[in-house]
Protein backbone atom coordinates (compact mmCIF):
# COMPACT_ATOMS: atom_id res chain seq x y z
CA MET A 1 -0.01 0.00 -0.02
CA ILE A 2 1.12 3.56 -0.76
CA ARG A 3 1.12 5.68 2.31
CA ALA A 4 1.12 9.54 2.06
CA GLU A 5 1.74 11.30 5.32
CA ILE A 6 0.84 15.01 4.96
CA LYS A 7 2.00 17.54 7.56
CA LYS A 8 2.06 21.32 7.33
CA LYS A 9 5.77 21.55 6.33
CA HIS A 10 6.62 17.85 5.40
CA ILE A 11 5.25 15.23 3.12
CA LYS A 12 6.36 11.64 3.10
CA ILE A 13 5.14 9.07 0.47
CA SER A 14 6.25 5.51 0.73
CA GLY A 15 5.26 1.92 -0.22
CA HIS A 16 3.90 0.20 -3.31
CA ALA A 17 0.24 0.06 -4.22
CA MET A 18 0.29 -3.68 -5.01
CA PHE A 19 -2.55 -3.23 -7.59
CA ASP A 20 -0.37 -4.95 -10.10
CA GLU A 21 3.25 -5.98 -10.50
CA TYR A 22 6.05 -3.46 -10.49
CA GLY A 23 6.12 -1.62 -13.83
CA LYS A 24 2.46 -2.38 -14.56
CA ASP A 25 0.76 -0.82 -11.58
CA ILE A 26 -1.56 1.95 -12.59
CA VAL A 27 -2.08 3.23 -9.06
CA CYS A 28 1.68 3.62 -8.51
CA ALA A 29 1.98 5.23 -11.87
CA ALA A 30 -0.82 7.75 -11.12
CA ALA A 31 0.51 8.58 -7.69
CA SER A 32 4.02 9.10 -9.20
CA ALA A 33 2.71 11.35 -12.00
CA ILE A 34 0.68 13.45 -9.46
CA VAL A 35 3.70 13.93 -7.14
CA THR A 36 6.29 14.43 -9.91
CA THR A 37 4.22 16.94 -11.76
CA SER A 38 3.57 18.89 -8.49
CA ILE A 39 7.25 18.88 -7.46
CA ASN A 40 8.35 19.93 -10.94
CA GLY A 41 5.73 22.77 -11.05
CA ILE A 42 6.70 24.16 -7.67
CA LEU A 43 10.40 24.06 -8.61
CA ARG A 44 9.78 25.65 -11.95
CA ILE A 45 8.14 28.63 -10.27
CA ASP A 46 10.51 28.88 -7.24
CA GLU A 47 13.35 26.44 -6.84
CA LYS A 48 13.74 27.46 -3.23
CA ALA A 49 10.21 26.71 -2.27
CA ILE A 50 10.76 22.99 -1.46
CA ASN A 51 13.47 20.41 -0.99
CA TYR A 52 12.82 16.87 -1.91
CA LYS A 53 14.57 13.59 -1.53
CA VAL A 54 13.94 10.32 -3.31
CA SER A 55 15.16 6.90 -2.00
CA LYS A 56 14.36 3.47 -3.03
CA ASP A 57 11.38 3.13 -0.69
CA GLU A 58 10.14 6.70 -0.18
CA LEU A 59 9.90 10.34 -1.30
CA SER A 60 9.92 13.10 1.13
CA ILE A 61 9.21 16.86 0.52
CA ASP A 62 10.14 19.65 2.94
CA ILE A 63 8.01 22.74 2.34
CA LEU A 64 10.33 25.75 2.84
CA LYS A 65 8.10 28.62 1.71
CA ASP A 66 4.61 29.46 2.90
CA ASP A 67 3.35 31.37 -0.24
CA HIS A 68 0.15 31.27 -2.22
CA VAL A 69 1.56 29.46 -5.27
CA THR A 70 3.37 26.78 -3.26
CA ASN A 71 0.35 26.25 -1.02
CA MET A 72 -2.02 25.95 -4.02
CA LEU A 73 0.14 23.39 -5.79
CA ILE A 74 0.63 21.37 -2.54
CA LEU A 75 -3.17 21.53 -1.87
CA ASN A 76 -3.82 20.29 -5.48
CA MET A 77 -1.39 17.44 -5.12
CA VAL A 78 -2.97 16.31 -1.85
CA SER A 79 -6.43 16.64 -3.35
CA LEU A 80 -5.46 14.48 -6.33
CA LEU A 81 -3.95 11.88 -4.04
CA LYS A 82 -7.15 11.87 -2.03
CA ASP A 83 -9.21 11.37 -5.20
CA LEU A 84 -6.95 8.43 -6.08
CA GLU A 85 -7.43 7.01 -2.56
CA LYS A 86 -11.26 7.21 -3.11
CA GLN A 87 -10.99 4.96 -6.15
CA TYR A 88 -8.34 2.66 -4.88
CA SER A 89 -8.81 2.68 -1.00
CA LYS A 90 -7.13 -0.83 -0.79
CA ASN A 91 -3.90 0.57 -2.50
CA ILE A 92 -3.28 4.09 -1.24
CA LYS A 93 -3.87 5.81 2.14
CA VAL A 94 -3.53 9.51 2.65
CA ASN A 95 -3.15 10.74 6.18
CA GLU A 96 -3.43 14.54 6.64
CA GLU A 97 -2.38 16.15 9.82
CA VAL A 98 -4.27 19.47 10.07
């Protein structure tokens, strides 16, 4: 299962959806596309707004700036991940700390 832990200044995404085998998993592909597009969009606008780190088993994002554009792109990313969770609740879990 993919687990997305959303905090005010930090996001951690880990795991595998297990919807299908590696390389054919549409839930993993969707989650990766959502997160990668969001990171790239934020960095294209302001490369100092976030730091991110990718390892074999997880991706973490530190949110460094509290501005409108960064907040909207993060909010959009979380919203898309939650939409994915609604469709594939056995494969992705989004925990948001308010």
